[in-house]
Amino acid sequence: GISEKGVPILEENKNGKIWQAEDANQKIATYEF
């Protein structure tokens, strides 16, 4: 849904369509850069 302030309300769901990165490998980022 959408809050009264117009912000999306997100509910965690292991099959959800919205993905949020939680952790990353800095060595891979540095290497690729």
Full PDB file with SEQRES, HELIX, SHEET, SSBOND, CRYST1, ORIGX, SCALE, CONECT and MASTER records, all heavy atoms in Angstrom:
SEQRES   1 A   33  GLY ILE SER GLU LYS GLY VAL PRO ILE LEU GLU GLU ASN          
SEQRES   2 A   33  LYS ASN GLY LYS ILE TRP GLN ALA GLU ASP ALA ASN GLN          
SEQRES   3 A   33  LYS ILE ALA THR TYR GLU PHE                                  
HELIX    1 AA1 GLN A   26  GLU A   32  1                                   7    
CRYST1    1.000    1.000    1.000  90.00  90.00  90.00 P 1           1          
ORIGX1      1.000000  0.000000  0.000000        0.00000                         
ORIGX2      0.000000  1.000000  0.000000        0.00000                         
ORIGX3      0.000000  0.000000  1.000000        0.00000                         
SCALE1      1.000000  0.000000  0.000000        0.00000                         
SCALE2      0.000000  1.000000  0.000000        0.00000                         
SCALE3      0.000000  0.000000  1.000000        0.00000                         
ATOM      1  N   GLY A   1       0.822  -1.198   0.000  1.00  0.00           N  
ATOM      2  CA  GLY A   1       0.000   0.000   0.000  1.00  0.00           C  
ATOM      3  C   GLY A   1       0.857   1.249   0.000  1.00  0.00           C  
ATOM      4  O   GLY A   1       2.075   1.183  -0.118  1.00  0.00           O  
ATOM      5  N   ILE A   2       0.188   2.368   0.165  1.00  0.00           N  
ATOM      6  CA  ILE A   2       0.854   3.673   0.216  1.00  0.00           C  
ATOM      7  C   ILE A   2       0.409   4.361   1.506  1.00  0.00           C  
ATOM      8  O   ILE A   2      -0.781   4.403   1.826  1.00  0.00           O  
ATOM      9  CB  ILE A   2       0.471   4.542  -1.003  1.00  0.00           C  
ATOM     10  CG1 ILE A   2       0.799   3.824  -2.322  1.00  0.00           C  
ATOM     11  CG2 ILE A   2       1.133   5.906  -0.939  1.00  0.00           C  
ATOM     12  CD1 ILE A   2       2.266   3.613  -2.595  1.00  0.00           C  
ATOM     13  N   SER A   3       1.383   4.903   2.237  1.00  0.00           N  
ATOM     14  CA  SER A   3       1.058   5.582   3.490  1.00  0.00           C  
ATOM     15  C   SER A   3       0.356   6.909   3.223  1.00  0.00           C  
ATOM     16  O   SER A   3       0.292   7.376   2.081  1.00  0.00           O  
ATOM     17  CB  SER A   3       2.335   5.837   4.302  1.00  0.00           C  
ATOM     18  OG  SER A   3       3.064   6.913   3.740  1.00  0.00           O  
ATOM     19  N   GLU A   4      -0.132   7.544   4.298  1.00  0.00           N  
ATOM     20  CA  GLU A   4      -0.794   8.858   4.179  1.00  0.00           C  
ATOM     21  C   GLU A   4       0.153   9.909   3.612  1.00  0.00           C  
ATOM     22  O   GLU A   4      -0.291  10.886   3.010  1.00  0.00           O  
ATOM     23  CB  GLU A   4      -1.313   9.297   5.550  1.00  0.00           C  
ATOM     24  CG  GLU A   4      -2.431   8.430   6.081  1.00  0.00           C  
ATOM     25  CD  GLU A   4      -2.820   8.800   7.505  1.00  0.00           C  
ATOM     26  OE1 GLU A   4      -2.247   9.759   8.068  1.00  0.00           O  
ATOM     27  OE2 GLU A   4      -3.708   8.130   8.056  1.00  0.00           O  
ATOM     28  N   LYS A   5       1.463   9.702   3.797  1.00  0.00           N  
ATOM     29  CA  LYS A   5       2.455  10.658   3.292  1.00  0.00           C  
ATOM     30  C   LYS A   5       2.904  10.327   1.870  1.00  0.00           C  
ATOM     31  O   LYS A   5       3.792  10.973   1.332  1.00  0.00           O  
ATOM     32  CB  LYS A   5       3.667  10.683   4.223  1.00  0.00           C  
ATOM     33  CG  LYS A   5       3.343  11.216   5.600  1.00  0.00           C  
ATOM     34  CD  LYS A   5       4.580  11.272   6.455  1.00  0.00           C  
ATOM     35  CE  LYS A   5       4.236  11.828   7.829  1.00  0.00           C  
ATOM     36  NZ  LYS A   5       5.413  11.958   8.672  1.00  0.00           N  
ATOM     37  N   GLY A   6       2.303   9.306   1.278  1.00  0.00           N  
ATOM     38  CA  GLY A   6       2.637   8.946  -0.096  1.00  0.00           C  
ATOM     39  C   GLY A   6       3.845   8.030  -0.223  1.00  0.00           C  
ATOM     40  O   GLY A   6       4.384   7.872  -1.310  1.00  0.00           O  
ATOM     41  N   VAL A   7       4.262   7.425   0.879  1.00  0.00           N  
ATOM     42  CA  VAL A   7       5.426   6.552   0.877  1.00  0.00           C  
ATOM     43  C   VAL A   7       4.954   5.097   0.745  1.00  0.00           C  
ATOM     44  O   VAL A   7       4.013   4.683   1.431  1.00  0.00           O  
ATOM     45  CB  VAL A   7       6.228   6.729   2.195  1.00  0.00           C  
ATOM     46  CG1 VAL A   7       7.412   5.788   2.253  1.00  0.00           C  
ATOM     47  CG2 VAL A   7       6.674   8.175   2.339  1.00  0.00           C  
ATOM     48  N   PRO A   8       5.602   4.314  -0.120  1.00  0.00           N  
ATOM     49  CA  PRO A   8       5.215   2.905  -0.242  1.00  0.00           C  
ATOM     50  C   PRO A   8       5.382   2.159   1.089  1.00  0.00           C  
ATOM     51  O   PRO A   8       6.347   2.381   1.818  1.00  0.00           O  
ATOM     52  CB  PRO A   8       6.184   2.343  -1.289  1.00  0.00           C  
ATOM     53  CG  PRO A   8       6.681   3.539  -2.027  1.00  0.00           C  
ATOM     54  CD  PRO A   8       6.673   4.668  -1.047  1.00  0.00           C  
ATOM     55  N   ILE A   9       4.443   1.298   1.386  1.00  0.00           N  
ATOM     56  CA  ILE A   9       4.519   0.441   2.567  1.00  0.00           C  
ATOM     57  C   ILE A   9       5.045  -0.903   2.089  1.00  0.00           C  
ATOM     58  O   ILE A   9       4.423  -1.557   1.245  1.00  0.00           O  
ATOM     59  CB  ILE A   9       3.138   0.284   3.236  1.00  0.00           C  
ATOM     60  CG1 ILE A   9       2.607   1.648   3.670  1.00  0.00           C  
ATOM     61  CG2 ILE A   9       3.211  -0.687   4.407  1.00  0.00           C  
ATOM     62  CD1 ILE A   9       1.145   1.643   4.080  1.00  0.00           C  
ATOM     63  N   LEU A  10       6.200  -1.291   2.596  1.00  0.00           N  
ATOM     64  CA  LEU A  10       6.836  -2.528   2.167  1.00  0.00           C  
ATOM     65  C   LEU A  10       6.731  -3.576   3.266  1.00  0.00           C  
ATOM     66  O   LEU A  10       6.938  -3.293   4.436  1.00  0.00           O  
ATOM     67  CB  LEU A  10       8.305  -2.283   1.828  1.00  0.00           C  
ATOM     68  CG  LEU A  10       8.575  -1.247   0.736  1.00  0.00           C  
ATOM     69  CD1 LEU A  10      10.069  -1.102   0.515  1.00  0.00           C  
ATOM     70  CD2 LEU A  10       7.874  -1.614  -0.558  1.00  0.00           C  
ATOM     71  N   GLU A  11       6.440  -4.788   2.833  1.00  0.00           N  
ATOM     72  CA  GLU A  11       6.353  -5.919   3.744  1.00  0.00           C  
ATOM     73  C   GLU A  11       7.348  -6.973   3.261  1.00  0.00           C  
ATOM     74  O   GLU A  11       7.339  -7.349   2.081  1.00  0.00           O  
ATOM     75  CB  GLU A  11       4.935  -6.482   3.747  1.00  0.00           C  
ATOM     76  CG  GLU A  11       4.718  -7.573   4.767  1.00  0.00           C  
ATOM     77  CD  GLU A  11       3.261  -7.983   4.815  1.00  0.00           C  
ATOM     78  OE1 GLU A  11       2.404  -7.116   5.081  1.00  0.00           O  
ATOM     79  OE2 GLU A  11       2.990  -9.173   4.566  1.00  0.00           O  
ATOM     80  N   GLU A  12       8.221  -7.428   4.170  1.00  0.00           N  
ATOM     81  CA  GLU A  12       9.207  -8.425   3.781  1.00  0.00           C  
ATOM     82  C   GLU A  12       8.496  -9.712   3.348  1.00  0.00           C  
ATOM     83  O   GLU A  12       7.548 -10.166   3.988  1.00  0.00           O  
ATOM     84  CB  GLU A  12      10.165  -8.708   4.934  1.00  0.00           C  
ATOM     85  CG  GLU A  12      11.387  -9.465   4.507  1.00  0.00           C  
ATOM     86  CD  GLU A  12      12.481  -9.518   5.561  1.00  0.00           C  
ATOM     87  OE1 GLU A  12      12.433  -8.746   6.540  1.00  0.00           O  
ATOM     88  OE2 GLU A  12      13.382 -10.349   5.381  1.00  0.00           O  
ATOM     89  N   ASN A  13       8.963 -10.258   2.225  1.00  0.00           N  
ATOM     90  CA  ASN A  13       8.384 -11.470   1.667  1.00  0.00           C  
ATOM     91  C   ASN A  13       9.494 -12.171   0.886  1.00  0.00           C  
ATOM     92  O   ASN A  13      10.060 -11.583  -0.038  1.00  0.00           O  
ATOM     93  CB  ASN A  13       7.217 -11.118   0.742  1.00  0.00           C  
ATOM     94  CG  ASN A  13       6.625 -12.322   0.040  1.00  0.00           C  
ATOM     95  OD1 ASN A  13       7.208 -13.395  -0.006  1.00  0.00           O  
ATOM     96  ND2 ASN A  13       5.457 -12.128  -0.528  1.00  0.00           N  
ATOM     97  N   LYS A  14       9.828 -13.409   1.239  1.00  0.00           N  
ATOM     98  CA  LYS A  14      10.953 -14.100   0.599  1.00  0.00           C  
ATOM     99  C   LYS A  14      10.769 -14.255  -0.912  1.00  0.00           C  
ATOM    100  O   LYS A  14      11.737 -14.488  -1.628  1.00  0.00           O  
ATOM    101  CB  LYS A  14      11.213 -15.451   1.259  1.00  0.00           C  
ATOM    102  CG  LYS A  14      10.146 -16.474   1.038  1.00  0.00           C  
ATOM    103  CD  LYS A  14      10.504 -17.785   1.703  1.00  0.00           C  
ATOM    104  CE  LYS A  14       9.443 -18.825   1.384  1.00  0.00           C  
ATOM    105  NZ  LYS A  14       9.828 -20.132   1.846  1.00  0.00           N  
ATOM    106  N   ASN A  15       9.552 -14.103  -1.412  1.00  0.00           N  
ATOM    107  CA  ASN A  15       9.297 -14.169  -2.849  1.00  0.00           C  
ATOM    108  C   ASN A  15       8.899 -12.814  -3.435  1.00  0.00           C  
ATOM    109  O   ASN A  15       8.419 -12.747  -4.565  1.00  0.00           O  
ATOM    110  CB  ASN A  15       8.191 -15.194  -3.134  1.00  0.00           C  
ATOM    111  CG  ASN A  15       8.599 -16.589  -2.709  1.00  0.00           C  
ATOM    112  OD1 ASN A  15       9.688 -17.043  -3.022  1.00  0.00           O  
ATOM    113  ND2 ASN A  15       7.739 -17.259  -1.969  1.00  0.00           N  
ATOM    114  N   GLY A  16       9.089 -11.745  -2.667  1.00  0.00           N  
ATOM    115  CA  GLY A  16       8.679 -10.416  -3.100  1.00  0.00           C  
ATOM    116  C   GLY A  16       9.375  -9.949  -4.364  1.00  0.00           C  
ATOM    117  O   GLY A  16      10.457 -10.428  -4.721  1.00  0.00           O  
ATOM    118  N   LYS A  17       8.754  -9.003  -5.033  1.00  0.00           N  
ATOM    119  CA  LYS A  17       9.281  -8.492  -6.302  1.00  0.00           C  
ATOM    120  C   LYS A  17      10.249  -7.327  -6.125  1.00  0.00           C  
ATOM    121  O   LYS A  17      10.914  -6.917  -7.068  1.00  0.00           O  
ATOM    122  CB  LYS A  17       8.117  -8.067  -7.201  1.00  0.00           C  
ATOM    123  CG  LYS A  17       7.260  -9.240  -7.613  1.00  0.00           C  
ATOM    124  CD  LYS A  17       6.118  -8.786  -8.492  1.00  0.00           C  
ATOM    125  CE  LYS A  17       5.251  -9.978  -8.854  1.00  0.00           C  
ATOM    126  NZ  LYS A  17       4.096  -9.577  -9.654  1.00  0.00           N  
ATOM    127  N   ILE A  18      10.315  -6.766  -4.942  1.00  0.00           N  
ATOM    128  CA  ILE A  18      11.228  -5.654  -4.666  1.00  0.00           C  
ATOM    129  C   ILE A  18      12.433  -6.217  -3.931  1.00  0.00           C  
ATOM    130  O   ILE A  18      12.298  -6.823  -2.868  1.00  0.00           O  
ATOM    131  CB  ILE A  18      10.528  -4.568  -3.831  1.00  0.00           C  
ATOM    132  CG1 ILE A  18       9.313  -4.032  -4.586  1.00  0.00           C  
ATOM    133  CG2 ILE A  18      11.500  -3.448  -3.473  1.00  0.00           C  
ATOM    134  CD1 ILE A  18       8.395  -3.173  -3.754  1.00  0.00           C  
ATOM    135  N   TRP A  19      13.591  -6.008  -4.506  1.00  0.00           N  
ATOM    136  CA  TRP A  19      14.827  -6.549  -3.940  1.00  0.00           C  
ATOM    137  C   TRP A  19      15.633  -5.411  -3.318  1.00  0.00           C  
ATOM    138  O   TRP A  19      15.778  -4.346  -3.913  1.00  0.00           O  
ATOM    139  CB  TRP A  19      15.661  -7.196  -5.031  1.00  0.00           C  
ATOM    140  CG  TRP A  19      15.066  -8.426  -5.636  1.00  0.00           C  
ATOM    141  CD1 TRP A  19      13.845  -8.534  -6.230  1.00  0.00           C  
ATOM    142  CD2 TRP A  19      15.668  -9.702  -5.719  1.00  0.00           C  
ATOM    143  NE1 TRP A  19      13.644  -9.810  -6.678  1.00  0.00           N  
ATOM    144  CE2 TRP A  19      14.760 -10.560  -6.376  1.00  0.00           C  
ATOM    145  CE3 TRP A  19      16.886 -10.210  -5.307  1.00  0.00           C  
ATOM    146  CZ2 TRP A  19      15.035 -11.890  -6.624  1.00  0.00           C  
ATOM    147  CZ3 TRP A  19      17.157 -11.545  -5.565  1.00  0.00           C  
ATOM    148  CH2 TRP A  19      16.248 -12.363  -6.205  1.00  0.00           C  
ATOM    149  N   GLN A  20      16.174  -5.667  -2.130  1.00  0.00           N  
ATOM    150  CA  GLN A  20      17.028  -4.690  -1.460  1.00  0.00           C  
ATOM    151  C   GLN A  20      18.352  -5.365  -1.118  1.00  0.00           C  
ATOM    152  O   GLN A  20      18.383  -6.397  -0.445  1.00  0.00           O  
ATOM    153  CB  GLN A  20      16.366  -4.204  -0.173  1.00  0.00           C  
ATOM    154  CG  GLN A  20      17.247  -3.262   0.641  1.00  0.00           C  
ATOM    155  CD  GLN A  20      16.534  -2.770   1.866  1.00  0.00           C  
ATOM    156  OE1 GLN A  20      15.458  -2.196   1.766  1.00  0.00           O  
ATOM    157  NE2 GLN A  20      17.115  -2.999   3.033  1.00  0.00           N  
ATOM    158  N   ALA A  21      19.438  -4.789  -1.592  1.00  0.00           N  
ATOM    159  CA  ALA A  21      20.765  -5.325  -1.271  1.00  0.00           C  
ATOM    160  C   ALA A  21      21.062  -5.071   0.206  1.00  0.00           C  
ATOM    161  O   ALA A  21      20.888  -3.962   0.687  1.00  0.00           O  
ATOM    162  CB  ALA A  21      21.818  -4.670  -2.148  1.00  0.00           C  
ATOM    163  N   GLU A  22      21.509  -6.096   0.892  1.00  0.00           N  
ATOM    164  CA  GLU A  22      21.813  -5.995   2.321  1.00  0.00           C  
ATOM    165  C   GLU A  22      23.307  -6.022   2.613  1.00  0.00           C  
ATOM    166  O   GLU A  22      23.744  -5.487   3.614  1.00  0.00           O  
ATOM    167  CB  GLU A  22      21.130  -7.145   3.080  1.00  0.00           C  
ATOM    168  CG  GLU A  22      19.626  -7.017   3.123  1.00  0.00           C  
ATOM    169  CD  GLU A  22      19.167  -5.870   3.988  1.00  0.00           C  
ATOM    170  OE1 GLU A  22      19.586  -5.792   5.151  1.00  0.00           O  
ATOM    171  OE2 GLU A  22      18.393  -5.038   3.491  1.00  0.00           O  
ATOM    172  N   ASP A  23      24.067  -6.678   1.765  1.00  0.00           N  
ATOM    173  CA  ASP A  23      25.509  -6.748   1.981  1.00  0.00           C  
ATOM    174  C   ASP A  23      26.177  -6.958   0.630  1.00  0.00           C  
ATOM    175  O   ASP A  23      25.535  -7.418  -0.327  1.00  0.00           O  
ATOM    176  CB  ASP A  23      25.872  -7.878   2.940  1.00  0.00           C  
ATOM    177  CG  ASP A  23      27.237  -7.684   3.598  1.00  0.00           C  
ATOM    178  OD1 ASP A  23      27.866  -6.615   3.383  1.00  0.00           O  
ATOM    179  OD2 ASP A  23      27.685  -8.585   4.319  1.00  0.00           O  
ATOM    180  N   ALA A  24      27.448  -6.620   0.562  1.00  0.00           N  
ATOM    181  CA  ALA A  24      28.174  -6.728  -0.697  1.00  0.00           C  
ATOM    182  C   ALA A  24      29.642  -7.016  -0.430  1.00  0.00           C  
ATOM    183  O   ALA A  24      30.125  -6.873   0.694  1.00  0.00           O  
ATOM    184  CB  ALA A  24      28.022  -5.437  -1.493  1.00  0.00           C  
ATOM    185  N   ASN A  25      30.343  -7.401  -1.485  1.00  0.00           N  
ATOM    186  CA  ASN A  25      31.751  -7.735  -1.402  1.00  0.00           C  
ATOM    187  C   ASN A  25      32.568  -6.558  -1.942  1.00  0.00           C  
ATOM    188  O   ASN A  25      32.592  -6.314  -3.146  1.00  0.00           O  
ATOM    189  CB  ASN A  25      32.020  -9.003  -2.206  1.00  0.00           C  
ATOM    190  CG  ASN A  25      33.438  -9.491  -2.079  1.00  0.00           C  
ATOM    191  OD1 ASN A  25      34.375  -8.709  -2.032  1.00  0.00           O  
ATOM    192  ND2 ASN A  25      33.605 -10.803  -2.058  1.00  0.00           N  
ATOM    193  N   GLN A  26      33.229  -5.843  -1.048  1.00  0.00           N  
ATOM    194  CA  GLN A  26      33.985  -4.656  -1.438  1.00  0.00           C  
ATOM    195  C   GLN A  26      35.158  -4.992  -2.354  1.00  0.00           C  
ATOM    196  O   GLN A  26      35.517  -4.202  -3.228  1.00  0.00           O  
ATOM    197  CB  GLN A  26      34.474  -3.906  -0.199  1.00  0.00           C  
ATOM    198  CG  GLN A  26      35.010  -2.539  -0.525  1.00  0.00           C  
ATOM    199  CD  GLN A  26      35.286  -1.724   0.708  1.00  0.00           C  
ATOM    200  OE1 GLN A  26      35.813  -2.245   1.679  1.00  0.00           O  
ATOM    201  NE2 GLN A  26      34.922  -0.464   0.675  1.00  0.00           N  
ATOM    202  N   LYS A  27      35.732  -6.163  -2.198  1.00  0.00           N  
ATOM    203  CA  LYS A  27      36.849  -6.552  -3.073  1.00  0.00           C  
ATOM    204  C   LYS A  27      36.388  -6.651  -4.520  1.00  0.00           C  
ATOM    205  O   LYS A  27      37.101  -6.250  -5.437  1.00  0.00           O  
ATOM    206  CB  LYS A  27      37.448  -7.883  -2.613  1.00  0.00           C  
ATOM    207  CG  LYS A  27      38.262  -7.766  -1.344  1.00  0.00           C  
ATOM    208  CD  LYS A  27      38.843  -9.102  -0.943  1.00  0.00           C  
ATOM    209  CE  LYS A  27      39.604  -8.956   0.357  1.00  0.00           C  
ATOM    210  NZ  LYS A  27      40.149 -10.241   0.808  1.00  0.00           N  
ATOM    211  N   ILE A  28      35.185  -7.178  -4.735  1.00  0.00           N  
ATOM    212  CA  ILE A  28      34.651  -7.270  -6.102  1.00  0.00           C  
ATOM    213  C   ILE A  28      34.405  -5.873  -6.653  1.00  0.00           C  
ATOM    214  O   ILE A  28      34.731  -5.587  -7.808  1.00  0.00           O  
ATOM    215  CB  ILE A  28      33.371  -8.126  -6.124  1.00  0.00           C  
ATOM    216  CG1 ILE A  28      33.726  -9.593  -5.871  1.00  0.00           C  
ATOM    217  CG2 ILE A  28      32.622  -7.966  -7.449  1.00  0.00           C  
ATOM    218  CD1 ILE A  28      32.541 -10.508  -5.719  1.00  0.00           C  
ATOM    219  N   ALA A  29      33.850  -4.983  -5.849  1.00  0.00           N  
ATOM    220  CA  ALA A  29      33.608  -3.610  -6.301  1.00  0.00           C  
ATOM    221  C   ALA A  29      34.913  -2.927  -6.685  1.00  0.00           C  
ATOM    222  O   ALA A  29      34.997  -2.272  -7.727  1.00  0.00           O  
ATOM    223  CB  ALA A  29      32.895  -2.816  -5.212  1.00  0.00           C  
ATOM    224  N   THR A  30      35.920  -3.077  -5.845  1.00  0.00           N  
ATOM    225  CA  THR A  30      37.208  -2.445  -6.107  1.00  0.00           C  
ATOM    226  C   THR A  30      37.845  -3.011  -7.371  1.00  0.00           C  
ATOM    227  O   THR A  30      38.316  -2.262  -8.237  1.00  0.00           O  
ATOM    228  CB  THR A  30      38.145  -2.626  -4.906  1.00  0.00           C  
ATOM    229  OG1 THR A  30      37.527  -2.027  -3.759  1.00  0.00           O  
ATOM    230  CG2 THR A  30      39.499  -1.984  -5.137  1.00  0.00           C  
ATOM    231  N   TYR A  31      37.840  -4.332  -7.493  1.00  0.00           N  
ATOM    232  CA  TYR A  31      38.405  -4.974  -8.677  1.00  0.00           C  
ATOM    233  C   TYR A  31      37.711  -4.467  -9.949  1.00  0.00           C  
ATOM    234  O   TYR A  31      38.362  -4.092 -10.921  1.00  0.00           O  
ATOM    235  CB  TYR A  31      38.274  -6.504  -8.583  1.00  0.00           C  
ATOM    236  CG  TYR A  31      38.550  -7.176  -9.896  1.00  0.00           C  
ATOM    237  CD1 TYR A  31      39.861  -7.424 -10.309  1.00  0.00           C  
ATOM    238  CD2 TYR A  31      37.506  -7.522 -10.755  1.00  0.00           C  
ATOM    239  CE1 TYR A  31      40.119  -8.015 -11.541  1.00  0.00           C  
ATOM    240  CE2 TYR A  31      37.760  -8.108 -11.989  1.00  0.00           C  
ATOM    241  CZ  TYR A  31      39.065  -8.353 -12.374  1.00  0.00           C  
ATOM    242  OH  TYR A  31      39.304  -8.918 -13.597  1.00  0.00           O  
ATOM    243  N   GLU A  32      36.380  -4.461  -9.936  1.00  0.00           N  
ATOM    244  CA  GLU A  32      35.629  -4.080 -11.139  1.00  0.00           C  
ATOM    245  C   GLU A  32      35.839  -2.609 -11.489  1.00  0.00           C  
ATOM    246  O   GLU A  32      35.997  -2.250 -12.655  1.00  0.00           O  
ATOM    247  CB  GLU A  32      34.146  -4.395 -10.971  1.00  0.00           C  
ATOM    248  CG  GLU A  32      33.315  -4.125 -12.205  1.00  0.00           C  
ATOM    249  CD  GLU A  32      33.675  -4.982 -13.414  1.00  0.00           C  
ATOM    250  OE1 GLU A  32      34.564  -5.859 -13.343  1.00  0.00           O  
ATOM    251  OE2 GLU A  32      33.058  -4.758 -14.467  1.00  0.00           O  
ATOM    252  N   PHE A  33      35.839  -1.740 -10.495  1.00  0.00           N  
ATOM    253  CA  PHE A  33      36.076  -0.319 -10.740  1.00  0.00           C  
ATOM    254  C   PHE A  33      37.409  -0.120 -11.463  1.00  0.00           C  
ATOM    255  O   PHE A  33      37.481   0.541 -12.499  1.00  0.00           O  
ATOM    256  CB  PHE A  33      36.060   0.459  -9.425  1.00  0.00           C  
ATOM    257  CG  PHE A  33      36.281   1.929  -9.603  1.00  0.00           C  
ATOM    258  CD1 PHE A  33      35.210   2.782  -9.769  1.00  0.00           C  
ATOM    259  CD2 PHE A  33      37.562   2.464  -9.620  1.00  0.00           C  
ATOM    260  CE1 PHE A  33      35.405   4.148  -9.946  1.00  0.00           C  
ATOM    261  CE2 PHE A  33      37.772   3.817  -9.790  1.00  0.00           C  
ATOM    262  CZ  PHE A  33      36.694   4.661  -9.954  1.00  0.00           C  
TER     263      PHE A  33                                                      
MASTER        0    0    0    1    0    0    0    6  262    1    0    3          
END                                                                             
